[in-house]
Amino acid sequence: MKLKTNTLLLVIAAFLYSNAVMAQTPVDDLEQGQRSGFSYSIGGFNQDSADLNGGGSYSVSSMNVGIGVVRPVSAKTFMGFGINYAVTNYDFENLAAFAGQQPWDKVRAINFSVPIILLTESQWTFMISPSIGAFQEVEADSGDSLAYGATMIASYGFERGNRIGIGLGVFDRLDETIFYPFLSVKWQLTENLRIGNSLDSGPTGPAGLQLSYRFSEGWELAMGLARRSYRFRLDDTGPAPEGIGTQKGKLAFLRLSIDLTQAMQLDLFAGVIHDGTLILENRDDIGVATVDYETTPLLAVNFNGRF
């Protein structure tokens, strides 16, 4: 089988969940989550063609929009709200797997989160971010497409704004419970070099890690790793009516970030997805087909800001 993403989609805004708001607070910068104000984003990616085991090809293009707000509710407590909406188009060609039928087509996701950040008299900072969302093919039943849970982080602060801590994600997503710990880190190694989390923890997986180098004023280059798993309800057509589709993969990428203003940033990504798998289950959560796909390149653009 083959995973392919046909078009490079531009991003013009900013995201709070992960790429600034996929509906959660960035885990690598709890201080950022304490800044009162609004954030906004539009994002997209283009994942290139990948061969699917068993024959055929598969392509994906995706775009998302997110907004978020964070406000202090007391001297040491901050609360926010985030919403992210994404649409992903899948195109399968020359299939031998899935009985020669396209297993799914257009998938949409809407996710809401309410991050809460608690400061303490010591150097500890705690965060919990409950979230709920619907992940589904466009014509699927939203009531059967819910994923909900929470991300929790306990982080200890050091000098120069450095932080390190442990996070935990627990989510129930379409009859599957996932549970994972992860490292939450923001550490300045030198004046221009730092290590942090590459993505945010949520129903699609744990936070990754990235190494970032600010080589000029307003310019930053980073390399990172992450793991993602998307699980969504299918409509009543196709080889598994009202079943479940899953797309998994590991991501390695380079990122170039440009500060357009003090409140706006452009992110350009190039990378590969490897160790990828597509899974099709029927309405009783019984596996119909599992198909691996080969390593495939991807490109993405993200424009984000806050006010």
Protein backbone atom coordinates (compact mmCIF):
# COMPACT_ATOMS: atom_id res chain seq x y z
CA MET A 1 0.00 0.00 0.00
CA LYS A 2 1.08 3.51 -0.57
CA LEU A 3 0.60 6.69 1.40
CA LYS A 4 0.65 9.88 -0.59
CA THR A 5 -0.31 13.47 0.09
CA ASN A 6 -1.09 15.42 -3.01
CA THR A 7 -0.89 19.13 -2.23
CA LEU A 8 1.20 21.49 -0.15
CA LEU A 9 -1.18 23.59 1.93
CA LEU A 10 -0.19 26.93 3.33
CA VAL A 11 -0.64 27.97 6.90
CA ILE A 12 -1.55 31.55 7.80
CA ALA A 13 -2.21 32.08 11.50
CA ALA A 14 -1.05 30.40 14.71
CA PHE A 15 -1.81 27.35 16.79
CA LEU A 16 -2.27 26.72 20.52
CA TYR A 17 -2.78 22.96 20.89
CA SER A 18 0.25 21.88 19.30
CA ASN A 19 1.21 23.69 16.34
CA ALA A 20 -0.12 26.47 18.38
CA VAL A 21 -3.66 25.38 19.15
CA MET A 22 -4.65 21.96 18.24
CA ALA A 23 -6.69 22.50 21.30
CA GLN A 24 -4.12 22.20 24.01
CA THR A 25 -1.37 24.17 25.72
CA PRO A 26 2.18 23.72 24.39
CA VAL A 27 3.95 21.33 26.74
CA ASP A 28 7.44 22.65 26.03
CA ASP A 29 6.67 26.20 27.18
CA LEU A 30 4.43 26.47 30.21
CA GLU A 31 5.45 30.12 30.54
CA GLN A 32 3.91 30.75 27.12
CA GLY A 33 0.68 29.21 28.38
CA GLN A 34 0.66 31.79 31.16
CA ARG A 35 0.59 34.74 28.74
CA SER A 36 -2.89 36.22 28.81
CA GLY A 37 -4.32 36.69 25.33
CA PHE A 38 -5.53 35.07 22.12
CA SER A 39 -3.76 32.84 19.61
CA TYR A 40 -4.86 31.82 16.13
CA SER A 41 -3.65 29.54 13.31
CA ILE A 42 -4.17 27.96 9.91
CA GLY A 43 -2.00 24.98 9.00
CA GLY A 44 -1.53 22.30 6.40
CA PHE A 45 0.79 19.59 5.15
CA ASN A 46 1.58 17.64 2.02
CA GLN A 47 2.68 14.04 2.53
CA ASP A 48 4.18 12.51 -0.58
CA SER A 49 3.36 9.17 -2.17
CA ALA A 50 4.34 5.97 -0.38
CA ASP A 51 4.04 2.38 -1.56
CA LEU A 52 1.60 0.22 0.34
CA ASN A 53 2.42 -3.40 1.05
CA GLY A 54 0.22 -5.53 -1.12
CA GLY A 55 0.07 -3.00 -3.94
CA GLY A 56 -1.62 0.30 -4.62
CA SER A 57 -1.04 3.85 -3.50
CA TYR A 58 -2.48 6.30 -1.02
CA SER A 59 -2.17 10.07 -0.72
CA VAL A 60 -3.17 12.61 1.93
CA SER A 61 -3.56 16.38 2.12
CA SER A 62 -4.67 18.16 5.27
CA MET A 63 -5.49 21.64 6.55
CA ASN A 64 -6.41 22.88 10.03
CA VAL A 65 -7.50 26.09 11.72
CA GLY A 66 -7.21 26.80 15.43
CA ILE A 67 -7.88 29.53 17.97
CA GLY A 68 -7.20 29.73 21.70
CA VAL A 69 -7.37 32.04 24.67
CA VAL A 70 -5.65 32.00 28.07
CA ARG A 71 -6.66 34.16 31.05
CA PRO A 72 -5.52 34.40 34.69
CA VAL A 73 -8.22 33.40 37.17
CA SER A 74 -6.04 34.13 40.22
CA ALA A 75 -2.47 35.17 40.99
CA LYS A 76 -1.20 31.63 40.44
CA THR A 77 -3.83 30.00 38.25
CA PHE A 78 -4.37 30.34 34.52
CA MET A 79 -7.19 28.86 32.49
CA GLY A 80 -7.67 28.65 28.75
CA PHE A 81 -9.89 27.39 25.98
CA GLY A 82 -8.80 26.02 22.62
CA ILE A 83 -10.58 24.77 19.54
CA ASN A 84 -9.08 23.20 16.44
CA TYR A 85 -10.76 22.09 13.23
CA ALA A 86 -9.00 19.96 10.61
CA VAL A 87 -9.99 18.41 7.28
CA THR A 88 -7.91 15.62 5.73
CA ASN A 89 -8.40 14.25 2.22
CA TYR A 90 -7.31 10.69 1.38
CA ASP A 91 -6.92 9.37 -2.15
CA PHE A 92 -6.30 5.66 -2.76
CA GLU A 93 -5.23 4.33 -6.16
CA ASN A 94 -4.76 0.88 -7.72
CA LEU A 95 -5.58 -0.89 -4.47
CA ALA A 96 -5.04 -4.57 -3.90
CA ALA A 97 -5.73 -4.34 -0.16
CA PHE A 98 -9.10 -3.43 1.40
CA ALA A 99 -10.83 -5.68 -1.18
CA GLY A 100 -9.83 -3.16 -3.84
CA GLN A 101 -12.09 -0.50 -2.31
CA GLN A 102 -11.10 2.89 -0.91
CA PRO A 103 -11.46 2.38 2.86
CA TRP A 104 -12.08 6.05 3.65
CA ASP A 105 -12.16 9.41 1.92
CA LYS A 106 -12.50 12.81 3.64
CA VAL A 107 -11.93 12.90 7.41
CA ARG A 108 -12.63 15.84 9.68
CA ALA A 109 -11.74 16.47 13.30
CA ILE A 110 -12.89 19.10 15.76
CA ASN A 111 -11.29 19.18 19.19
CA PHE A 112 -11.93 21.34 22.26
CA SER A 113 -9.64 21.70 25.26
CA VAL A 114 -9.56 23.58 28.56
CA PRO A 115 -5.95 23.84 29.82
CA ILE A 116 -5.46 24.80 33.47
CA ILE A 117 -2.02 25.86 34.74
CA LEU A 118 -1.21 26.08 38.46
CA LEU A 119 1.89 27.83 39.79
CA THR A 120 3.25 27.04 43.26
CA GLU A 121 5.40 28.84 45.82
CA SER A 122 8.19 26.40 44.96
CA GLN A 123 9.58 25.84 41.46
CA TRP A 124 6.87 23.37 40.48
CA THR A 125 4.26 24.10 37.83
CA PHE A 126 1.31 21.81 37.17
CA MET A 127 -0.93 21.61 34.14
CA ILE A 128 -3.99 19.59 33.24
CA SER A 129 -5.69 19.94 29.87
CA PRO A 130 -8.96 18.01 29.47
CA SER A 131 -10.15 17.71 25.87
CA ILE A 132 -13.00 16.25 23.86
CA GLY A 133 -13.39 15.99 20.11
CA ALA A 134 -15.03 14.20 17.21
CA PHE A 135 -12.83 12.39 14.66
CA GLN A 136 -14.79 11.06 11.70
CA GLU A 137 -15.41 10.72 8.00
CA VAL A 138 -17.58 13.64 6.92
CA GLU A 139 -20.79 11.57 6.68
CA ALA A 140 -20.16 9.48 9.84
CA ASP A 141 -22.18 9.80 13.04
CA SER A 142 -20.54 12.42 15.31
CA GLY A 143 -21.99 10.79 18.40
CA ASP A 144 -20.02 7.61 17.65
CA SER A 145 -16.82 9.53 16.86
CA LEU A 146 -15.85 11.02 20.23
CA ALA A 147 -12.38 10.96 21.76
CA TYR A 148 -11.85 12.43 25.21
CA GLY A 149 -9.29 12.47 27.97
CA ALA A 150 -6.60 14.71 29.41
CA THR A 151 -2.93 15.60 29.36
CA MET A 152 -1.24 16.18 32.74
CA ILE A 153 2.21 17.68 33.39
CA ALA A 154 4.30 18.26 36.51
CA SER A 155 7.29 20.46 35.65
CA TYR A 156 10.16 21.78 37.80
CA GLY A 157 11.79 25.11 37.00
CA PHE A 158 15.50 25.92 37.10
CA GLU A 159 17.56 29.01 36.35
CA ARG A 160 17.33 30.78 32.98
CA GLY A 161 13.75 29.59 32.52
CA ASN A 162 14.79 25.95 32.09
CA ARG A 163 12.18 23.34 32.92
CA ILE A 164 11.97 19.57 33.00
CA GLY A 165 9.11 17.36 34.06
CA ILE A 166 6.96 14.32 33.46
CA GLY A 167 3.73 14.25 31.52
CA LEU A 168 0.96 11.72 31.20
CA GLY A 169 -1.71 11.38 28.53
CA VAL A 170 -4.85 9.31 29.02
CA PHE A 171 -7.50 9.21 26.28
CA ASP A 172 -10.50 7.12 25.31
CA ARG A 173 -10.84 7.31 21.55
CA LEU A 174 -13.45 5.30 19.71
CA ASP A 175 -13.50 2.19 21.92
CA GLU A 176 -9.73 2.28 22.48
CA THR A 177 -7.96 3.58 25.59
CA ILE A 178 -4.42 4.92 25.21
CA PHE A 179 -2.10 5.69 28.10
CA TYR A 180 1.41 7.11 27.70
CA PRO A 181 4.02 8.97 29.74
CA PHE A 182 6.33 11.51 28.11
CA LEU A 183 9.16 13.88 28.93
CA SER A 184 8.22 17.56 29.18
CA VAL A 185 11.34 19.66 28.67
CA LYS A 186 12.50 23.17 27.83
CA TRP A 187 16.25 23.49 28.33
CA GLN A 188 18.64 26.15 27.04
CA LEU A 189 21.90 24.33 26.32
CA THR A 190 23.78 27.42 25.11
CA GLU A 191 22.78 30.97 24.28
CA ASN A 192 21.38 29.85 20.91
CA LEU A 193 20.83 26.09 21.31
CA ARG A 194 17.92 24.52 23.19
CA ILE A 195 16.05 21.25 23.50
CA GLY A 196 12.28 21.04 23.83
CA ASN A 197 9.15 19.18 22.80
CA SER A 198 8.43 19.06 19.09
CA LEU A 199 4.65 18.56 19.30
CA ASP A 200 2.04 18.60 22.00
CA SER A 201 0.56 15.63 23.76
CA GLY A 202 -3.04 14.81 22.93
CA PRO A 203 -5.44 12.18 21.57
CA THR A 204 -3.13 11.62 18.58
CA GLY A 205 -0.07 10.77 20.67
CA PRO A 206 2.69 11.97 23.01
CA ALA A 207 4.97 14.96 22.69
CA GLY A 208 8.14 14.42 20.70
CA LEU A 209 11.55 16.07 21.09
CA GLN A 210 13.42 18.66 19.04
CA LEU A 211 16.78 20.41 19.08
CA SER A 212 16.58 24.07 18.03
CA TYR A 213 19.31 26.52 17.04
CA ARG A 214 18.72 30.27 16.69
CA PHE A 215 21.33 31.18 14.10
CA SER A 216 20.27 34.80 13.59
CA GLU A 217 17.87 37.32 15.10
CA GLY A 218 14.39 36.08 14.26
CA TRP A 219 15.57 32.86 12.52
CA GLU A 220 15.61 29.37 14.03
CA LEU A 221 16.45 25.92 12.64
CA ALA A 222 15.32 22.73 14.40
CA MET A 223 15.33 18.97 13.95
CA GLY A 224 12.81 16.78 15.71
CA LEU A 225 11.12 13.42 16.18
CA ALA A 226 7.53 12.53 17.03
CA ARG A 227 5.02 9.70 16.85
CA ARG A 228 1.40 10.09 15.77
CA SER A 229 -1.72 7.91 15.53
CA TYR A 230 -5.01 9.16 14.05
CA ARG A 231 -8.15 7.12 14.72
CA PHE A 232 -11.52 8.06 13.23
CA ARG A 233 -15.05 6.75 12.68
CA LEU A 234 -16.06 5.70 9.16
CA ASP A 235 -19.35 6.38 7.39
CA ASP A 236 -21.83 3.70 6.30
CA THR A 237 -20.18 2.97 2.94
CA GLY A 238 -16.92 1.27 1.96
CA PRO A 239 -15.49 -2.11 2.96
CA ALA A 240 -16.14 -1.50 6.71
CA PRO A 241 -19.37 0.50 7.15
CA GLU A 242 -19.44 2.46 10.45
CA GLY A 243 -16.08 0.94 11.29
CA ILE A 244 -12.83 2.64 12.34
CA GLY A 245 -9.82 3.79 10.36
CA THR A 246 -6.36 4.39 11.85
CA GLN A 247 -3.27 6.00 10.38
CA LYS A 248 0.01 5.59 12.31
CA GLY A 249 3.53 6.77 11.68
CA LYS A 250 6.77 8.14 13.09
CA LEU A 251 7.90 11.58 12.02
CA ALA A 252 11.43 12.97 11.59
CA PHE A 253 11.65 16.57 10.39
CA LEU A 254 13.58 19.79 9.95
CA ARG A 255 11.91 23.09 10.79
CA LEU A 256 12.80 26.64 9.78
CA SER A 257 11.04 29.33 11.81
CA ILE A 258 10.99 33.02 10.91
CA ASP A 259 9.76 35.71 13.29
CA LEU A 260 7.72 38.05 11.12
CA THR A 261 6.92 40.31 14.06
CA GLN A 262 7.11 39.91 17.83
CA ALA A 263 3.68 38.27 17.72
CA MET A 264 3.75 36.40 14.39
CA GLN A 265 5.86 33.49 13.18
CA LEU A 266 6.17 31.44 10.00
CA ASP A 267 7.19 27.77 10.31
CA LEU A 268 8.40 25.70 7.34
CA PHE A 269 8.73 21.92 7.73
CA ALA A 270 10.35 19.18 5.64
CA GLY A 271 10.59 15.60 6.83
CA VAL A 272 9.70 11.96 6.41
CA ILE A 273 7.12 9.60 7.88
CA HIS A 274 8.42 6.09 8.49
CA ASP A 275 7.26 2.86 10.12
CA GLY A 276 3.73 3.73 8.99
CA THR A 277 0.61 1.58 9.16
CA LEU A 278 -3.02 1.84 8.04
CA ILE A 279 -5.60 -0.16 9.98
CA LEU A 280 -9.22 -0.89 9.07
CA GLU A 281 -11.68 -2.26 11.66
CA ASN A 282 -15.36 -3.11 11.33
CA ARG A 283 -18.15 -1.69 13.50
CA ASP A 284 -17.44 -4.37 16.15
CA ASP A 285 -13.80 -3.23 16.44
CA ILE A 286 -12.59 -6.40 14.71
CA GLY A 287 -9.64 -5.95 12.38
CA VAL A 288 -10.39 -6.17 8.66
CA ALA A 289 -6.98 -5.21 7.25
CA THR A 290 -3.60 -3.91 8.43
CA VAL A 291 -1.31 -2.50 5.76
CA ASP A 292 2.16 -1.02 6.20
CA TYR A 293 3.43 1.78 3.98
CA GLU A 294 6.94 2.78 3.00
CA THR A 295 8.86 5.83 4.18
CA THR A 296 7.48 8.95 2.53
CA PRO A 297 8.49 12.63 2.52
CA LEU A 298 6.27 15.47 3.64
CA LEU A 299 6.23 19.26 3.53
CA ALA A 300 4.27 21.65 5.73
CA VAL A 301 3.85 25.36 6.33
CA ASN A 302 2.48 27.08 9.42
CA PHE A 303 1.86 30.75 10.06
CA ASN A 304 0.98 31.56 13.66
CA GLY A 305 0.39 34.55 15.88
CA ARG A 306 -1.10 35.88 19.07
CA PHE A 307 -2.45 39.15 20.42
